[in-house]
Amino acid sequence: MNANQDILQSQWPEIKGQVKQQWGNLTDDDVRQLSGTTASLVNALQRRCGYGKVQAEIEIDKWVHGYDQAHLEVLERVNGKL
């Protein structure tokens, strides 16, 4: 989960709003209390979504890699236009 941890922490200000969109069961307060760590998001998903630890980690992994891929595609398009 180190790659996920790096992405979550380094891009947390940019993606925390998307966390709420991805997991609608999380409240605004839940998202504010998250520290941008994988562990804090796993705990929140366990509490609010009823996921087990492994399921929460899988869901985060799928989401982070999808976000990261989309972010890279945007950067490639921007850099290609420069």
Protein backbone atom coordinates (compact mmCIF):
# COMPACT_ATOMS: atom_id res chain seq x y z
CA MET A 1 0.00 0.00 0.00
CA ASN A 2 3.01 2.35 -0.09
CA ALA A 3 2.11 3.70 -3.53
CA ASN A 4 -1.43 4.44 -2.36
CA GLN A 5 -0.08 6.11 0.76
CA ASP A 6 2.23 8.34 -1.29
CA ILE A 7 -0.58 9.35 -3.65
CA LEU A 8 -3.08 9.99 -0.88
CA GLN A 9 -0.72 12.10 1.21
CA SER A 10 0.89 14.06 -1.61
CA GLN A 11 -2.37 14.86 -3.37
CA TRP A 12 -4.74 14.94 -0.39
CA PRO A 13 -5.78 18.61 -0.72
CA GLU A 14 -6.71 17.96 -4.37
CA ILE A 15 -8.55 14.68 -3.91
CA LYS A 16 -10.31 14.86 -0.57
CA GLY A 17 -13.47 16.20 -2.21
CA GLN A 18 -13.40 13.28 -4.60
CA VAL A 19 -13.23 10.87 -1.67
CA LYS A 20 -16.69 12.05 -0.60
CA GLN A 21 -17.96 11.64 -4.14
CA GLN A 22 -16.51 8.15 -4.40
CA TRP A 23 -17.85 7.01 -1.03
CA GLY A 24 -21.09 8.87 -0.44
CA ASN A 25 -21.56 7.22 2.96
CA LEU A 26 -18.72 9.35 4.31
CA THR A 27 -19.89 12.57 5.90
CA ASP A 28 -18.22 15.94 5.43
CA ASP A 29 -16.99 15.59 9.00
CA ASP A 30 -15.50 12.16 8.22
CA VAL A 31 -13.58 13.60 5.28
CA ARG A 32 -12.36 16.59 7.32
CA GLN A 33 -11.04 14.24 9.99
CA LEU A 34 -9.15 12.04 7.53
CA SER A 35 -5.45 12.71 7.60
CA GLY A 36 -4.79 11.65 4.03
CA THR A 37 -3.41 8.30 5.11
CA THR A 38 -4.54 4.97 3.78
CA ALA A 39 -5.12 3.74 7.33
CA SER A 40 -7.47 6.60 8.18
CA LEU A 41 -9.46 6.06 4.99
CA VAL A 42 -9.62 2.30 5.61
CA ASN A 43 -10.98 2.96 9.10
CA ALA A 44 -13.58 5.40 7.81
CA LEU A 45 -14.73 2.97 5.11
CA GLN A 46 -15.00 0.18 7.65
CA ARG A 47 -17.09 2.39 9.93
CA ARG A 48 -19.36 4.07 7.38
CA CYS A 49 -19.56 1.57 4.53
CA GLY A 50 -19.37 -1.67 6.47
CA TYR A 51 -16.31 -2.89 4.56
CA GLY A 52 -13.88 -5.32 6.07
CA LYS A 53 -10.27 -4.17 6.17
CA VAL A 54 -9.26 -6.10 3.04
CA GLN A 55 -12.29 -4.92 1.08
CA ALA A 56 -11.60 -1.31 2.07
CA GLU A 57 -7.97 -1.65 0.96
CA ILE A 58 -9.06 -3.16 -2.37
CA GLU A 59 -11.58 -0.36 -2.97
CA ILE A 60 -8.97 2.30 -2.14
CA ASP A 61 -6.44 0.61 -4.40
CA LYS A 62 -8.87 0.53 -7.34
CA TRP A 63 -9.86 4.14 -6.77
CA VAL A 64 -6.32 5.49 -6.31
CA HIS A 65 -5.05 3.76 -9.43
CA GLY A 66 -8.02 5.05 -11.40
CA TYR A 67 -7.44 8.57 -10.10
CA ASP A 68 -3.71 8.37 -10.75
CA GLN A 69 -4.26 7.14 -14.32
CA ALA A 70 -6.74 9.94 -15.04
CA HIS A 71 -4.33 12.50 -13.52
CA LEU A 72 -1.47 11.22 -15.70
CA GLU A 73 -3.64 11.42 -18.82
CA VAL A 74 -4.48 15.06 -18.08
CA LEU A 75 -0.80 15.87 -17.52
CA GLU A 76 0.14 14.15 -20.77
CA ARG A 77 -2.47 16.16 -22.68
CA VAL A 78 -1.31 19.42 -21.08
CA ASN A 79 2.36 18.66 -21.70
CA GLY A 80 1.62 17.63 -25.27
CA LYS A 81 0.07 21.02 -25.93
CA LEU A 82 2.98 23.01 -24.52
